[in-house]
Amino acid sequence: MIHKTWEQTEPIKKVECIHNEAEKFVVNNVLTPGKTYDVQNESEEFYFIIDNSGRIGGFYKDYFKEV
């Protein structure tokens, strides 16, 4: 149940959004290109960040570059 404490834990690193043009999903409402986000957790395919809505979201790593 680690996802219940992600908003209170220290981020593990920072990433910068490089684009928000998704093929399948609508992410342009919650990601801003050029903005830096704190990574709360990550998997092989996703970063879990606090997005523009203020909630934790999982996004493909190809939207970001590491800072």
PDB file of N, CA and C in Angstrom:
ATOM      1  N   MET A   1       0.823  -1.190   0.000  1.00  0.00           N
ATOM      2  CA  MET A   1       0.000   0.000   0.000  1.00  0.00           C
ATOM      3  C   MET A   1       0.869   1.258   0.000  1.00  0.00           C
ATOM      4  N   ILE A   2       2.028   1.173  -0.650  1.00  0.00           N
ATOM      5  CA  ILE A   2       2.961   2.299  -0.707  1.00  0.00           C
ATOM      6  C   ILE A   2       2.323   3.534  -1.362  1.00  0.00           C
ATOM      7  N   HIS A   3       1.381   3.322  -2.261  1.00  0.00           N
ATOM      8  CA  HIS A   3       0.762   4.445  -2.968  1.00  0.00           C
ATOM      9  C   HIS A   3      -0.015   5.371  -2.038  1.00  0.00           C
ATOM     10  N   LYS A   4      -0.358   4.929  -0.842  1.00  0.00           N
ATOM     11  CA  LYS A   4      -1.106   5.767   0.095  1.00  0.00           C
ATOM     12  C   LYS A   4      -0.222   6.842   0.730  1.00  0.00           C
ATOM     13  N   THR A   5       1.111   6.662   0.701  1.00  0.00           N
ATOM     14  CA  THR A   5       2.006   7.634   1.341  1.00  0.00           C
ATOM     15  C   THR A   5       2.875   8.389   0.345  1.00  0.00           C
ATOM     16  N   TRP A   6       2.673   8.198  -0.956  1.00  0.00           N
ATOM     17  CA  TRP A   6       3.505   8.867  -1.956  1.00  0.00           C
ATOM     18  C   TRP A   6       3.475  10.385  -1.841  1.00  0.00           C
ATOM     19  N   GLU A   7       2.345  10.949  -1.499  1.00  0.00           N
ATOM     20  CA  GLU A   7       2.242  12.414  -1.443  1.00  0.00           C
ATOM     21  C   GLU A   7       3.015  13.000  -0.261  1.00  0.00           C
ATOM     22  N   GLN A   8       3.310  12.196   0.764  1.00  0.00           N
ATOM     23  CA  GLN A   8       4.016  12.686   1.947  1.00  0.00           C
ATOM     24  C   GLN A   8       5.504  12.337   1.952  1.00  0.00           C
ATOM     25  N   THR A   9       5.956  11.470   1.053  1.00  0.00           N
ATOM     26  CA  THR A   9       7.358  11.056   1.071  1.00  0.00           C
ATOM     27  C   THR A   9       8.224  11.986   0.222  1.00  0.00           C
ATOM     28  N   GLU A  10       9.519  11.918   0.475  1.00  0.00           N
ATOM     29  CA  GLU A  10      10.483  12.700  -0.299  1.00  0.00           C
ATOM     30  C   GLU A  10      10.557  12.148  -1.725  1.00  0.00           C
ATOM     31  N   PRO A  11      10.638  13.026  -2.724  1.00  0.00           N
ATOM     32  CA  PRO A  11      10.781  12.535  -4.103  1.00  0.00           C
ATOM     33  C   PRO A  11      12.132  11.851  -4.306  1.00  0.00           C
ATOM     34  N   ILE A  12      12.153  10.868  -5.234  1.00  0.00           N
ATOM     35  CA  ILE A  12      13.402  10.147  -5.471  1.00  0.00           C
ATOM     36  C   ILE A  12      14.270  10.833  -6.516  1.00  0.00           C
ATOM     37  N   LYS A  13      13.674  11.651  -7.383  1.00  0.00           N
ATOM     38  CA  LYS A  13      14.424  12.440  -8.354  1.00  0.00           C
ATOM     39  C   LYS A  13      13.483  13.423  -9.026  1.00  0.00           C
ATOM     40  N   LYS A  14      14.032  14.245  -9.921  1.00  0.00           N
ATOM     41  CA  LYS A  14      13.236  15.218 -10.663  1.00  0.00           C
ATOM     42  C   LYS A  14      13.317  14.902 -12.154  1.00  0.00           C
ATOM     43  N   VAL A  15      12.207  15.144 -12.846  1.00  0.00           N
ATOM     44  CA  VAL A  15      12.152  14.973 -14.292  1.00  0.00           C
ATOM     45  C   VAL A  15      11.485  16.193 -14.897  1.00  0.00           C
ATOM     46  N   GLU A  16      11.845  16.489 -16.144  1.00  0.00           N
ATOM     47  CA  GLU A  16      11.245  17.605 -16.867  1.00  0.00           C
ATOM     48  C   GLU A  16      10.370  17.046 -17.987  1.00  0.00           C
ATOM     49  N   CYS A  17       9.180  17.573 -18.112  1.00  0.00           N
ATOM     50  CA  CYS A  17       8.264  17.154 -19.170  1.00  0.00           C
ATOM     51  C   CYS A  17       8.773  17.717 -20.497  1.00  0.00           C
ATOM     52  N   ILE A  18       8.931  16.859 -21.498  1.00  0.00           N
ATOM     53  CA  ILE A  18       9.414  17.328 -22.803  1.00  0.00           C
ATOM     54  C   ILE A  18       8.294  17.431 -23.832  1.00  0.00           C
ATOM     55  N   HIS A  19       7.174  16.733 -23.605  1.00  0.00           N
ATOM     56  CA  HIS A  19       6.001  16.877 -24.473  1.00  0.00           C
ATOM     57  C   HIS A  19       4.785  16.275 -23.783  1.00  0.00           C
ATOM     58  N   ASN A  20       3.599  16.662 -24.247  1.00  0.00           N
ATOM     59  CA  ASN A  20       2.368  16.095 -23.704  1.00  0.00           C
ATOM     60  C   ASN A  20       1.435  15.651 -24.835  1.00  0.00           C
ATOM     61  N   GLU A  21       2.031  15.192 -25.921  1.00  0.00           N
ATOM     62  CA  GLU A  21       1.265  14.731 -27.077  1.00  0.00           C
ATOM     63  C   GLU A  21       1.153  13.210 -27.009  1.00  0.00           C
ATOM     64  N   ALA A  22       0.040  12.736 -26.510  1.00  0.00           N
ATOM     65  CA  ALA A  22      -0.172  11.298 -26.345  1.00  0.00           C
ATOM     66  C   ALA A  22      -0.974  10.735 -27.502  1.00  0.00           C
ATOM     67  N   GLU A  23      -0.698   9.487 -27.843  1.00  0.00           N
ATOM     68  CA  GLU A  23      -1.443   8.820 -28.905  1.00  0.00           C
ATOM     69  C   GLU A  23      -2.785   8.301 -28.416  1.00  0.00           C
ATOM     70  N   LYS A  24      -2.820   7.719 -27.220  1.00  0.00           N
ATOM     71  CA  LYS A  24      -4.028   7.083 -26.712  1.00  0.00           C
ATOM     72  C   LYS A  24      -4.717   7.877 -25.609  1.00  0.00           C
ATOM     73  N   PHE A  25      -3.962   8.512 -24.763  1.00  0.00           N
ATOM     74  CA  PHE A  25      -4.501   9.090 -23.540  1.00  0.00           C
ATOM     75  C   PHE A  25      -4.477  10.608 -23.581  1.00  0.00           C
ATOM     76  N   VAL A  26      -5.317  11.244 -22.776  1.00  0.00           N
ATOM     77  CA  VAL A  26      -5.347  12.704 -22.669  1.00  0.00           C
ATOM     78  C   VAL A  26      -4.453  13.101 -21.497  1.00  0.00           C
ATOM     79  N   VAL A  27      -3.273  13.621 -21.814  1.00  0.00           N
ATOM     80  CA  VAL A  27      -2.355  14.051 -20.765  1.00  0.00           C
ATOM     81  C   VAL A  27      -2.062  15.553 -20.844  1.00  0.00           C
ATOM     82  N   ASN A  28      -2.544  16.221 -21.875  1.00  0.00           N
ATOM     83  CA  ASN A  28      -2.242  17.645 -22.003  1.00  0.00           C
ATOM     84  C   ASN A  28      -2.936  18.486 -20.932  1.00  0.00           C
ATOM     85  N   ASN A  29      -3.905  17.933 -20.224  1.00  0.00           N
ATOM     86  CA  ASN A  29      -4.555  18.658 -19.130  1.00  0.00           C
ATOM     87  C   ASN A  29      -3.758  18.578 -17.825  1.00  0.00           C
ATOM     88  N   VAL A  30      -2.892  17.583 -17.707  1.00  0.00           N
ATOM     89  CA  VAL A  30      -2.196  17.360 -16.431  1.00  0.00           C
ATOM     90  C   VAL A  30      -0.677  17.459 -16.516  1.00  0.00           C
ATOM     91  N   LEU A  31      -0.113  17.572 -17.716  1.00  0.00           N
ATOM     92  CA  LEU A  31       1.334  17.756 -17.883  1.00  0.00           C
ATOM     93  C   LEU A  31       1.603  19.024 -18.681  1.00  0.00           C
ATOM     94  N   THR A  32       2.628  19.769 -18.299  1.00  0.00           N
ATOM     95  CA  THR A  32       3.027  20.991 -18.979  1.00  0.00           C
ATOM     96  C   THR A  32       4.456  20.831 -19.491  1.00  0.00           C
ATOM     97  N   PRO A  33       4.657  20.896 -20.802  1.00  0.00           N
ATOM     98  CA  PRO A  33       6.025  20.809 -21.326  1.00  0.00           C
ATOM     99  C   PRO A  33       6.916  21.911 -20.745  1.00  0.00           C
ATOM    100  N   GLY A  34       8.122  21.537 -20.343  1.00  0.00           N
ATOM    101  CA  GLY A  34       9.060  22.486 -19.750  1.00  0.00           C
ATOM    102  C   GLY A  34       8.990  22.553 -18.243  1.00  0.00           C
ATOM    103  N   LYS A  35       7.947  22.004 -17.636  1.00  0.00           N
ATOM    104  CA  LYS A  35       7.806  22.034 -16.184  1.00  0.00           C
ATOM    105  C   LYS A  35       8.540  20.845 -15.569  1.00  0.00           C
ATOM    106  N   THR A  36       9.125  21.067 -14.397  1.00  0.00           N
ATOM    107  CA  THR A  36       9.833  20.014 -13.668  1.00  0.00           C
ATOM    108  C   THR A  36       8.896  19.404 -12.634  1.00  0.00           C
ATOM    109  N   TYR A  37       8.900  18.076 -12.558  1.00  0.00           N
ATOM    110  CA  TYR A  37       8.052  17.338 -11.631  1.00  0.00           C
ATOM    111  C   TYR A  37       8.906  16.463 -10.737  1.00  0.00           C
ATOM    112  N   ASP A  38       8.442  16.245  -9.497  1.00  0.00           N
ATOM    113  CA  ASP A  38       9.097  15.352  -8.555  1.00  0.00           C
ATOM    114  C   ASP A  38       8.593  13.932  -8.789  1.00  0.00           C
ATOM    115  N   VAL A  39       9.521  12.995  -8.894  1.00  0.00           N
ATOM    116  CA  VAL A  39       9.163  11.588  -9.069  1.00  0.00           C
ATOM    117  C   VAL A  39       9.012  10.958  -7.685  1.00  0.00           C
ATOM    118  N   GLN A  40       7.820  10.469  -7.396  1.00  0.00           N
ATOM    119  CA  GLN A  40       7.555   9.838  -6.110  1.00  0.00           C
ATOM    120  C   GLN A  40       7.884   8.343  -6.146  1.00  0.00           C
ATOM    121  N   ASN A  41       7.746   7.734  -7.326  1.00  0.00           N
ATOM    122  CA  ASN A  41       8.062   6.317  -7.501  1.00  0.00           C
ATOM    123  C   ASN A  41       8.220   6.071  -8.991  1.00  0.00           C
ATOM    124  N   GLU A  42       8.834   4.962  -9.360  1.00  0.00           N
ATOM    125  CA  GLU A  42       8.961   4.636 -10.773  1.00  0.00           C
ATOM    126  C   GLU A  42       8.979   3.135 -10.972  1.00  0.00           C
ATOM    127  N   SER A  43       8.603   2.729 -12.165  1.00  0.00           N
ATOM    128  CA  SER A  43       8.695   1.329 -12.576  1.00  0.00           C
ATOM    129  C   SER A  43       9.511   1.300 -13.859  1.00  0.00           C
ATOM    130  N   GLU A  44       9.584   0.160 -14.511  1.00  0.00           N
ATOM    131  CA  GLU A  44      10.336   0.074 -15.754  1.00  0.00           C
ATOM    132  C   GLU A  44       9.760   0.988 -16.832  1.00  0.00           C
ATOM    133  N   GLU A  45       8.451   1.162 -16.826  1.00  0.00           N
ATOM    134  CA  GLU A  45       7.777   1.863 -17.909  1.00  0.00           C
ATOM    135  C   GLU A  45       7.203   3.226 -17.516  1.00  0.00           C
ATOM    136  N   PHE A  46       6.962   3.456 -16.217  1.00  0.00           N
ATOM    137  CA  PHE A  46       6.251   4.643 -15.773  1.00  0.00           C
ATOM    138  C   PHE A  46       7.010   5.427 -14.708  1.00  0.00           C
ATOM    139  N   TYR A  47       6.752   6.757 -14.687  1.00  0.00           N
ATOM    140  CA  TYR A  47       7.085   7.610 -13.550  1.00  0.00           C
ATOM    141  C   TYR A  47       5.777   7.920 -12.852  1.00  0.00           C
ATOM    142  N   PHE A  48       5.786   7.919 -11.532  1.00  0.00           N
ATOM    143  CA  PHE A  48       4.627   8.296 -10.747  1.00  0.00           C
ATOM    144  C   PHE A  48       4.948   9.649 -10.127  1.00  0.00           C
ATOM    145  N   ILE A  49       4.222  10.674 -10.576  1.00  0.00           N
ATOM    146  CA  ILE A  49       4.502  12.055 -10.182  1.00  0.00           C
ATOM    147  C   ILE A  49       3.235  12.712  -9.653  1.00  0.00           C
ATOM    148  N   ILE A  50       3.419  13.844  -8.970  1.00  0.00           N
ATOM    149  CA  ILE A  50       2.273  14.681  -8.628  1.00  0.00           C
ATOM    150  C   ILE A  50       2.095  15.620  -9.812  1.00  0.00           C
ATOM    151  N   ASP A  51       1.002  15.439 -10.557  1.00  0.00           N
ATOM    152  CA  ASP A  51       0.786  16.192 -11.794  1.00  0.00           C
ATOM    153  C   ASP A  51       0.123  17.547 -11.518  1.00  0.00           C
ATOM    154  N   ASN A  52      -0.290  18.243 -12.565  1.00  0.00           N
ATOM    155  CA  ASN A  52      -0.875  19.577 -12.427  1.00  0.00           C
ATOM    156  C   ASN A  52      -2.187  19.591 -11.649  1.00  0.00           C
ATOM    157  N   SER A  53      -2.855  18.452 -11.540  1.00  0.00           N
ATOM    158  CA  SER A  53      -4.104  18.380 -10.777  1.00  0.00           C
ATOM    159  C   SER A  53      -3.841  18.267  -9.279  1.00  0.00           C
ATOM    160  N   GLY A  54      -2.560  18.055  -8.898  1.00  0.00           N
ATOM    161  CA  GLY A  54      -2.223  17.916  -7.489  1.00  0.00           C
ATOM    162  C   GLY A  54      -2.341  16.489  -6.986  1.00  0.00           C
ATOM    163  N   ARG A  55      -2.626  15.556  -7.871  1.00  0.00           N
ATOM    164  CA  ARG A  55      -2.782  14.152  -7.515  1.00  0.00           C
ATOM    165  C   ARG A  55      -1.636  13.339  -8.118  1.00  0.00           C
ATOM    166  N   ILE A  56      -1.420  12.155  -7.584  1.00  0.00           N
ATOM    167  CA  ILE A  56      -0.400  11.258  -8.129  1.00  0.00           C
ATOM    168  C   ILE A  56      -0.933  10.643  -9.418  1.00  0.00           C
ATOM    169  N   GLY A  57      -0.083  10.636 -10.444  1.00  0.00           N
ATOM    170  CA  GLY A  57      -0.431   9.992 -11.707  1.00  0.00           C
ATOM    171  C   GLY A  57       0.757   9.228 -12.240  1.00  0.00           C
ATOM    172  N   GLY A  58       0.475   8.157 -12.967  1.00  0.00           N
ATOM    173  CA  GLY A  58       1.526   7.369 -13.597  1.00  0.00           C
ATOM    174  C   GLY A  58       1.588   7.697 -15.077  1.00  0.00           C
ATOM    175  N   PHE A  59       2.758   8.065 -15.569  1.00  0.00           N
ATOM    176  CA  PHE A  59       2.925   8.486 -16.958  1.00  0.00           C
ATOM    177  C   PHE A  59       4.102   7.752 -17.583  1.00  0.00           C
ATOM    178  N   TYR A  60       3.993   7.446 -18.874  1.00  0.00           N
ATOM    179  CA  TYR A  60       5.095   6.809 -19.588  1.00  0.00           C
ATOM    180  C   TYR A  60       6.346   7.675 -19.474  1.00  0.00           C
ATOM    181  N   LYS A  61       7.492   7.038 -19.410  1.00  0.00           N
ATOM    182  CA  LYS A  61       8.761   7.747 -19.256  1.00  0.00           C
ATOM    183  C   LYS A  61       9.122   8.568 -20.487  1.00  0.00           C
ATOM    184  N   ASP A  62       8.523   8.267 -21.640  1.00  0.00           N
ATOM    185  CA  ASP A  62       8.900   9.009 -22.850  1.00  0.00           C
ATOM    186  C   ASP A  62       8.367  10.435 -22.872  1.00  0.00           C
ATOM    187  N   TYR A  63       7.556  10.834 -21.903  1.00  0.00           N
ATOM    188  CA  TYR A  63       7.116  12.228 -21.787  1.00  0.00           C
ATOM    189  C   TYR A  63       8.152  13.095 -21.078  1.00  0.00           C
ATOM    190  N   PHE A  64       9.187  12.488 -20.505  1.00  0.00           N
ATOM    191  CA  PHE A  64      10.106  13.188 -19.611  1.00  0.00           C
ATOM    192  C   PHE A  64      11.567  12.955 -19.958  1.00  0.00           C
ATOM    193  N   LYS A  65      12.400  13.854 -19.423  1.00  0.00           N
ATOM    194  CA  LYS A  65      13.843  13.635 -19.385  1.00  0.00           C
ATOM    195  C   LYS A  65      14.290  13.929 -17.966  1.00  0.00           C
ATOM    196  N   GLU A  66      15.326  13.226 -17.517  1.00  0.00           N
ATOM    197  CA  GLU A  66      15.808  13.414 -16.162  1.00  0.00           C
ATOM    198  C   GLU A  66      16.566  14.728 -16.052  1.00  0.00           C
ATOM    199  N   VAL A  67      16.416  15.380 -14.917  1.00  0.00           N
ATOM    200  CA  VAL A  67      17.068  16.664 -14.656  1.00  0.00           C
ATOM    201  C   VAL A  67      18.309  16.417 -13.831  1.00  0.00           C
TER     202      VAL A  67
END
